[in-house]
């Protein structure tokens, strides 16, 4: 299949969209800064912890949680991943009738794009029963968690940022 054929499939409603961190590029969060990708988030956490700026995201996330506790960790992640503005190019994706959208992102940029376009989309995360996914309609599945579905008490299994949260999510708290 070439690019032209792939585009035709998408425009005909016969394609799945898979989004990673690059999808949210340009979107702004609470402090009007860009929604961070892994390295940016790790540096921000490391700075607050006086760690080496090259500390990886897994280590920075675990250190942040251990030092500040679940409530501050949760609030910090909410500040980072709840979008306050998106770019016009995010809206272009809402014009395609996707079979389904999957994302590794925790943020709500996809949901904001649909909202701004006057369309409804239903978010699912690992906290939802996958058997409950509707066959039709606009659905986005947040594979690593969704900030709006997270809680301070369960933040380490709700949002997968580190090996510990991955183990908690996959082994200790499997999807329903």
C-alpha atoms as a PDB file:
ATOM      1  CA  UNK A   1       0.000   0.000   0.000  1.00  0.00           C
ATOM      2  CA  UNK A   2       1.334   3.424  -0.880  1.00  0.00           C
ATOM      3  CA  UNK A   3       0.642   6.718   0.907  1.00  0.00           C
ATOM      4  CA  UNK A   4      -2.150   7.718  -1.462  1.00  0.00           C
ATOM      5  CA  UNK A   5      -3.967   4.416  -0.856  1.00  0.00           C
ATOM      6  CA  UNK A   6      -3.495   4.758   2.910  1.00  0.00           C
ATOM      7  CA  UNK A   7      -5.004   8.252   2.855  1.00  0.00           C
ATOM      8  CA  UNK A   8      -7.974   6.977   0.850  1.00  0.00           C
ATOM      9  CA  UNK A   9      -8.545   4.206   3.400  1.00  0.00           C
ATOM     10  CA  UNK A  10      -8.452   6.752   6.234  1.00  0.00           C
ATOM     11  CA  UNK A  11     -10.821   9.167   4.517  1.00  0.00           C
ATOM     12  CA  UNK A  12     -13.180   6.251   3.803  1.00  0.00           C
ATOM     13  CA  UNK A  13     -13.293   5.302   7.487  1.00  0.00           C
ATOM     14  CA  UNK A  14     -11.104   2.232   7.141  1.00  0.00           C
ATOM     15  CA  UNK A  15      -8.098   3.213   9.241  1.00  0.00           C
ATOM     16  CA  UNK A  16      -6.903   3.314  12.827  1.00  0.00           C
ATOM     17  CA  UNK A  17      -4.917   6.271  14.185  1.00  0.00           C
ATOM     18  CA  UNK A  18      -2.077   5.548  16.600  1.00  0.00           C
ATOM     19  CA  UNK A  19      -0.696   8.628  18.379  1.00  0.00           C
ATOM     20  CA  UNK A  20       2.476   9.035  20.376  1.00  0.00           C
ATOM     21  CA  UNK A  21       4.031  12.058  22.055  1.00  0.00           C
ATOM     22  CA  UNK A  22       4.487  13.946  18.799  1.00  0.00           C
ATOM     23  CA  UNK A  23       0.736  14.274  18.370  1.00  0.00           C
ATOM     24  CA  UNK A  24       0.475  16.725  21.273  1.00  0.00           C
ATOM     25  CA  UNK A  25       3.260  18.970  19.980  1.00  0.00           C
ATOM     26  CA  UNK A  26       2.188  22.600  20.151  1.00  0.00           C
ATOM     27  CA  UNK A  27      -0.547  22.062  22.734  1.00  0.00           C
ATOM     28  CA  UNK A  28      -0.216  24.110  25.903  1.00  0.00           C
ATOM     29  CA  UNK A  29      -0.850  23.130  29.505  1.00  0.00           C
ATOM     30  CA  UNK A  30      -1.776  24.959  32.718  1.00  0.00           C
ATOM     31  CA  UNK A  31       1.244  27.278  32.752  1.00  0.00           C
ATOM     32  CA  UNK A  32       1.008  27.962  29.010  1.00  0.00           C
ATOM     33  CA  UNK A  33       4.032  25.797  28.393  1.00  0.00           C
ATOM     34  CA  UNK A  34       4.122  22.983  25.890  1.00  0.00           C
ATOM     35  CA  UNK A  35       2.711  19.687  27.121  1.00  0.00           C
ATOM     36  CA  UNK A  36       5.927  17.825  27.918  1.00  0.00           C
ATOM     37  CA  UNK A  37       7.263  14.740  26.258  1.00  0.00           C
ATOM     38  CA  UNK A  38       9.396  12.248  28.205  1.00  0.00           C
ATOM     39  CA  UNK A  39      12.714  14.116  28.313  1.00  0.00           C
ATOM     40  CA  UNK A  40      11.071  17.454  29.095  1.00  0.00           C
ATOM     41  CA  UNK A  41       9.044  15.907  31.918  1.00  0.00           C
ATOM     42  CA  UNK A  42      12.094  14.135  33.323  1.00  0.00           C
ATOM     43  CA  UNK A  43      14.114  17.391  33.326  1.00  0.00           C
ATOM     44  CA  UNK A  44      11.304  19.280  35.029  1.00  0.00           C
ATOM     45  CA  UNK A  45      10.973  16.649  37.751  1.00  0.00           C
ATOM     46  CA  UNK A  46      14.735  16.340  38.124  1.00  0.00           C
ATOM     47  CA  UNK A  47      15.044  20.113  38.537  1.00  0.00           C
ATOM     48  CA  UNK A  48      12.538  20.113  41.392  1.00  0.00           C
ATOM     49  CA  UNK A  49      14.425  17.255  43.011  1.00  0.00           C
ATOM     50  CA  UNK A  50      17.937  18.664  42.445  1.00  0.00           C
ATOM     51  CA  UNK A  51      18.833  15.548  40.455  1.00  0.00           C
ATOM     52  CA  UNK A  52      21.174  15.335  37.494  1.00  0.00           C
ATOM     53  CA  UNK A  53      19.310  16.900  34.523  1.00  0.00           C
ATOM     54  CA  UNK A  54      20.071  13.750  32.529  1.00  0.00           C
ATOM     55  CA  UNK A  55      18.107  11.563  34.950  1.00  0.00           C
ATOM     56  CA  UNK A  56      15.707   9.345  33.013  1.00  0.00           C
ATOM     57  CA  UNK A  57      11.947   9.642  33.274  1.00  0.00           C
ATOM     58  CA  UNK A  58      11.510   6.361  35.157  1.00  0.00           C
ATOM     59  CA  UNK A  59      13.928   7.390  37.899  1.00  0.00           C
ATOM     60  CA  UNK A  60      12.712  10.996  38.070  1.00  0.00           C
ATOM     61  CA  UNK A  61       9.072   9.885  38.333  1.00  0.00           C
ATOM     62  CA  UNK A  62       9.831   7.397  41.106  1.00  0.00           C
ATOM     63  CA  UNK A  63      11.960   9.927  43.027  1.00  0.00           C
ATOM     64  CA  UNK A  64       9.251  12.590  42.662  1.00  0.00           C
ATOM     65  CA  UNK A  65       6.581  10.241  43.977  1.00  0.00           C
ATOM     66  CA  UNK A  66       8.754   9.072  46.885  1.00  0.00           C
ATOM     67  CA  UNK A  67       9.755  12.604  47.908  1.00  0.00           C
ATOM     68  CA  UNK A  68       6.440  14.432  47.477  1.00  0.00           C
ATOM     69  CA  UNK A  69       3.839  11.695  47.866  1.00  0.00           C
ATOM     70  CA  UNK A  70       0.821  10.700  45.789  1.00  0.00           C
ATOM     71  CA  UNK A  71      -1.188  13.939  46.041  1.00  0.00           C
ATOM     72  CA  UNK A  72       1.565  16.301  44.927  1.00  0.00           C
ATOM     73  CA  UNK A  73       2.644  13.826  42.224  1.00  0.00           C
ATOM     74  CA  UNK A  74      -0.950  13.601  40.978  1.00  0.00           C
ATOM     75  CA  UNK A  75      -1.413  17.385  40.987  1.00  0.00           C
ATOM     76  CA  UNK A  76       1.885  17.882  39.185  1.00  0.00           C
ATOM     77  CA  UNK A  77       0.885  15.432  36.452  1.00  0.00           C
ATOM     78  CA  UNK A  78      -2.525  17.110  36.099  1.00  0.00           C
ATOM     79  CA  UNK A  79      -0.804  20.473  35.605  1.00  0.00           C
ATOM     80  CA  UNK A  80       1.395  18.950  32.928  1.00  0.00           C
ATOM     81  CA  UNK A  81      -1.175  16.918  30.977  1.00  0.00           C
ATOM     82  CA  UNK A  82      -4.451  18.835  31.032  1.00  0.00           C
ATOM     83  CA  UNK A  83      -4.369  20.983  27.921  1.00  0.00           C
ATOM     84  CA  UNK A  84      -5.498  24.593  27.964  1.00  0.00           C
ATOM     85  CA  UNK A  85      -4.999  25.255  24.247  1.00  0.00           C
ATOM     86  CA  UNK A  86      -4.369  23.278  21.103  1.00  0.00           C
ATOM     87  CA  UNK A  87      -3.266  24.160  17.590  1.00  0.00           C
ATOM     88  CA  UNK A  88      -5.473  24.247  14.490  1.00  0.00           C
ATOM     89  CA  UNK A  89      -3.608  21.284  13.022  1.00  0.00           C
ATOM     90  CA  UNK A  90      -4.887  19.115  15.885  1.00  0.00           C
ATOM     91  CA  UNK A  91      -8.391  19.752  14.554  1.00  0.00           C
ATOM     92  CA  UNK A  92      -7.524  18.266  11.164  1.00  0.00           C
ATOM     93  CA  UNK A  93      -7.415  14.788  12.685  1.00  0.00           C
ATOM     94  CA  UNK A  94     -11.061  15.099  13.745  1.00  0.00           C
ATOM     95  CA  UNK A  95     -12.119  15.370  10.105  1.00  0.00           C
ATOM     96  CA  UNK A  96     -11.160  11.749   9.438  1.00  0.00           C
ATOM     97  CA  UNK A  97     -13.652   9.000  10.362  1.00  0.00           C
ATOM     98  CA  UNK A  98     -11.198   6.761  12.223  1.00  0.00           C
ATOM     99  CA  UNK A  99     -12.252   3.232  13.142  1.00  0.00           C
ATOM    100  CA  UNK A 100     -10.581   3.872  16.469  1.00  0.00           C
ATOM    101  CA  UNK A 101      -7.806   6.037  17.940  1.00  0.00           C
ATOM    102  CA  UNK A 102      -5.103   4.588  20.188  1.00  0.00           C
ATOM    103  CA  UNK A 103      -2.639   6.766  22.055  1.00  0.00           C
ATOM    104  CA  UNK A 104       0.242   6.306  24.457  1.00  0.00           C
ATOM    105  CA  UNK A 105      -0.346   9.887  25.664  1.00  0.00           C
ATOM    106  CA  UNK A 106      -1.804  10.725  29.083  1.00  0.00           C
ATOM    107  CA  UNK A 107      -3.006  14.172  27.999  1.00  0.00           C
ATOM    108  CA  UNK A 108      -6.400  15.275  26.696  1.00  0.00           C
ATOM    109  CA  UNK A 109      -5.315  16.897  23.421  1.00  0.00           C
ATOM    110  CA  UNK A 110      -7.342  14.488  21.278  1.00  0.00           C
ATOM    111  CA  UNK A 111     -10.438  15.077  23.404  1.00  0.00           C
ATOM    112  CA  UNK A 112      -9.956  18.872  23.225  1.00  0.00           C
ATOM    113  CA  UNK A 113      -9.607  18.708  19.431  1.00  0.00           C
ATOM    114  CA  UNK A 114     -12.888  16.833  19.116  1.00  0.00           C
ATOM    115  CA  UNK A 115     -14.595  19.192  21.556  1.00  0.00           C
ATOM    116  CA  UNK A 116     -13.332  22.254  19.694  1.00  0.00           C
ATOM    117  CA  UNK A 117     -14.576  20.697  16.436  1.00  0.00           C
ATOM    118  CA  UNK A 118     -18.033  20.243  17.937  1.00  0.00           C
ATOM    119  CA  UNK A 119     -17.686  16.445  17.954  1.00  0.00           C
ATOM    120  CA  UNK A 120     -17.965  13.925  20.762  1.00  0.00           C
ATOM    121  CA  UNK A 121     -15.289  11.350  21.512  1.00  0.00           C
ATOM    122  CA  UNK A 122     -15.343   8.788  24.287  1.00  0.00           C
ATOM    123  CA  UNK A 123     -12.039   8.288  26.131  1.00  0.00           C
ATOM    124  CA  UNK A 124     -11.114   4.883  27.492  1.00  0.00           C
ATOM    125  CA  UNK A 125      -8.148   4.014  29.658  1.00  0.00           C
ATOM    126  CA  UNK A 126      -6.887   0.930  31.364  1.00  0.00           C
ATOM    127  CA  UNK A 127      -9.382   1.640  34.166  1.00  0.00           C
ATOM    128  CA  UNK A 128     -12.248   0.801  31.796  1.00  0.00           C
ATOM    129  CA  UNK A 129     -13.341  -2.706  30.884  1.00  0.00           C
ATOM    130  CA  UNK A 130     -12.094  -3.302  27.316  1.00  0.00           C
ATOM    131  CA  UNK A 131     -15.189  -5.424  26.684  1.00  0.00           C
ATOM    132  CA  UNK A 132     -17.181  -2.208  27.066  1.00  0.00           C
ATOM    133  CA  UNK A 133     -15.607  -0.477  24.063  1.00  0.00           C
ATOM    134  CA  UNK A 134     -18.367   0.517  21.656  1.00  0.00           C
ATOM    135  CA  UNK A 135     -18.308  -0.932  18.159  1.00  0.00           C
ATOM    136  CA  UNK A 136     -19.075   2.456  16.611  1.00  0.00           C
ATOM    137  CA  UNK A 137     -18.560   6.110  17.375  1.00  0.00           C
ATOM    138  CA  UNK A 138     -15.479   8.164  18.130  1.00  0.00           C
ATOM    139  CA  UNK A 139     -13.336   6.390  20.716  1.00  0.00           C
ATOM    140  CA  UNK A 140      -9.811   7.081  21.927  1.00  0.00           C
ATOM    141  CA  UNK A 141      -8.016   4.421  23.949  1.00  0.00           C
ATOM    142  CA  UNK A 142      -5.280   5.749  26.251  1.00  0.00           C
ATOM    143  CA  UNK A 143      -2.967   2.742  26.504  1.00  0.00           C
ATOM    144  CA  UNK A 144      -0.749   4.113  29.290  1.00  0.00           C
ATOM    145  CA  UNK A 145      -3.489   5.890  31.225  1.00  0.00           C
ATOM    146  CA  UNK A 146      -5.504   9.085  30.928  1.00  0.00           C
ATOM    147  CA  UNK A 147      -5.017  12.047  33.232  1.00  0.00           C
ATOM    148  CA  UNK A 148      -8.773  12.548  33.675  1.00  0.00           C
ATOM    149  CA  UNK A 149      -9.222   8.915  34.794  1.00  0.00           C
ATOM    150  CA  UNK A 150      -6.483   9.068  37.424  1.00  0.00           C
ATOM    151  CA  UNK A 151      -6.715   9.514  41.193  1.00  0.00           C
ATOM    152  CA  UNK A 152      -4.026  10.390  43.767  1.00  0.00           C
ATOM    153  CA  UNK A 153      -4.432   7.068  45.581  1.00  0.00           C
ATOM    154  CA  UNK A 154      -3.873   5.009  42.439  1.00  0.00           C
ATOM    155  CA  UNK A 155      -1.761   7.376  40.335  1.00  0.00           C
ATOM    156  CA  UNK A 156       1.127   4.923  40.012  1.00  0.00           C
ATOM    157  CA  UNK A 157      -1.085   2.365  38.296  1.00  0.00           C
ATOM    158  CA  UNK A 158      -3.343   4.890  36.543  1.00  0.00           C
ATOM    159  CA  UNK A 159      -0.511   6.645  34.684  1.00  0.00           C
ATOM    160  CA  UNK A 160       2.349   4.454  33.488  1.00  0.00           C
ATOM    161  CA  UNK A 161       5.569   6.485  33.693  1.00  0.00           C
ATOM    162  CA  UNK A 162       8.009   4.073  35.262  1.00  0.00           C
ATOM    163  CA  UNK A 163       8.836   0.409  35.592  1.00  0.00           C
ATOM    164  CA  UNK A 164       7.155   0.357  39.014  1.00  0.00           C
ATOM    165  CA  UNK A 165       3.949   1.857  37.610  1.00  0.00           C
ATOM    166  CA  UNK A 166       4.099  -0.551  34.650  1.00  0.00           C
ATOM    167  CA  UNK A 167       4.407  -3.545  36.999  1.00  0.00           C
ATOM    168  CA  UNK A 168       1.598  -2.223  39.205  1.00  0.00           C
ATOM    169  CA  UNK A 169      -0.625  -1.641  36.188  1.00  0.00           C
ATOM    170  CA  UNK A 170       0.040  -4.899  34.397  1.00  0.00           C
ATOM    171  CA  UNK A 171       0.587  -7.377  37.180  1.00  0.00           C
ATOM    172  CA  UNK A 172      -1.020  -6.077  40.355  1.00  0.00           C
ATOM    173  CA  UNK A 173      -3.964  -4.203  38.817  1.00  0.00           C
ATOM    174  CA  UNK A 174      -4.732  -5.812  35.443  1.00  0.00           C
ATOM    175  CA  UNK A 175      -7.455  -4.244  33.272  1.00  0.00           C
ATOM    176  CA  UNK A 176     -10.969  -5.135  34.352  1.00  0.00           C
END
